[in-house]
Amino acid sequence: MSQVFSEETHRNLLARIPQCTGREISDWLRAVEDGPSLFRFEEKVSWLRHEHNLAYGHAKAIVHEYGLRRAARNLL
């Protein structure tokens, strides 16, 4: 069962990702964009975890942020 993060927790996780991974959020979002064509949220999280050795919370935050930004782009 996946966790549901509050907006504050999501923002805190995003803020810590560069320090914990050595890569900026924009790099991770690009990795998701350029990665395999996976449709389901958990598939993307699993791919990030296994391909890039990320913690579950970090991978989930990245995929969630990717979805938020993609949805915002589609509204414009």
Protein backbone atom coordinates (compact mmCIF):
# COMPACT_ATOMS: atom_id res chain seq x y z
CA MET A 1 0.00 0.00 0.00
CA SER A 2 1.44 3.36 -0.98
CA GLN A 3 1.74 6.25 1.41
CA VAL A 4 -0.07 9.51 0.84
CA PHE A 5 2.20 12.47 1.50
CA SER A 6 0.90 15.87 2.54
CA GLU A 7 1.87 18.83 0.39
CA GLU A 8 4.34 19.92 3.06
CA THR A 9 5.96 16.48 3.20
CA HIS A 10 6.15 16.40 -0.59
CA ARG A 11 7.90 19.78 -0.67
CA ASN A 12 10.31 18.73 2.11
CA LEU A 13 11.21 15.55 0.23
CA LEU A 14 11.83 17.51 -2.98
CA ALA A 15 14.03 19.97 -1.12
CA ARG A 16 16.22 17.14 0.24
CA ILE A 17 16.59 15.18 -3.01
CA PRO A 18 19.53 17.20 -4.42
CA GLN A 19 21.47 16.82 -1.17
CA CYS A 20 20.71 13.10 -0.88
CA THR A 21 21.23 12.16 -4.54
CA GLY A 22 23.69 14.73 -5.87
CA ARG A 23 21.30 15.58 -8.72
CA GLU A 24 18.85 18.45 -9.11
CA ILE A 25 15.10 17.89 -9.36
CA SER A 26 15.19 19.03 -13.00
CA ASP A 27 17.65 16.21 -13.74
CA TRP A 28 15.34 13.65 -12.14
CA LEU A 29 12.29 14.99 -13.97
CA ARG A 30 14.23 14.72 -17.24
CA ALA A 31 15.17 11.13 -16.33
CA VAL A 32 11.49 10.26 -15.89
CA GLU A 33 10.62 12.00 -19.17
CA ASP A 34 13.40 10.23 -21.08
CA GLY A 35 12.96 6.89 -19.31
CA PRO A 36 10.88 3.95 -20.46
CA SER A 37 7.27 4.56 -21.47
CA LEU A 38 5.62 3.40 -18.28
CA PHE A 39 2.00 4.36 -17.67
CA ARG A 40 1.34 3.52 -14.05
CA PHE A 41 2.61 5.66 -11.18
CA GLU A 42 4.03 2.73 -9.20
CA GLU A 43 5.82 1.39 -12.31
CA LYS A 44 7.65 4.70 -12.65
CA VAL A 45 8.50 4.71 -8.94
CA SER A 46 9.80 1.14 -9.16
CA TRP A 47 11.87 1.96 -12.24
CA LEU A 48 13.50 4.95 -10.52
CA ARG A 49 14.21 2.92 -7.40
CA HIS A 50 15.83 0.04 -9.24
CA GLU A 51 17.53 1.90 -12.09
CA HIS A 52 18.88 4.76 -9.96
CA ASN A 53 18.92 3.21 -6.49
CA LEU A 54 16.60 5.81 -4.97
CA ALA A 55 14.71 5.53 -1.72
CA TYR A 56 10.98 4.90 -2.10
CA GLY A 57 9.97 8.31 -0.73
CA HIS A 58 12.32 10.17 -3.06
CA ALA A 59 11.22 8.19 -6.11
CA LYS A 60 7.57 8.73 -5.25
CA ALA A 61 8.09 12.47 -4.75
CA ILE A 62 9.87 12.77 -8.11
CA VAL A 63 7.14 10.89 -9.99
CA HIS A 64 4.42 12.89 -8.23
CA GLU A 65 6.16 16.17 -9.10
CA TYR A 66 6.59 15.00 -12.69
CA GLY A 67 2.84 14.34 -12.88
CA LEU A 68 1.99 17.74 -11.39
CA ARG A 69 4.24 19.59 -13.83
CA ARG A 70 3.03 17.57 -16.80
CA ALA A 71 -0.59 18.31 -15.91
CA ALA A 72 0.22 22.02 -15.57
CA ARG A 73 1.85 22.02 -19.03
CA ASN A 74 -1.25 20.40 -20.53
CA LEU A 75 -3.47 23.12 -19.09
CA LEU A 76 -1.59 25.88 -20.85
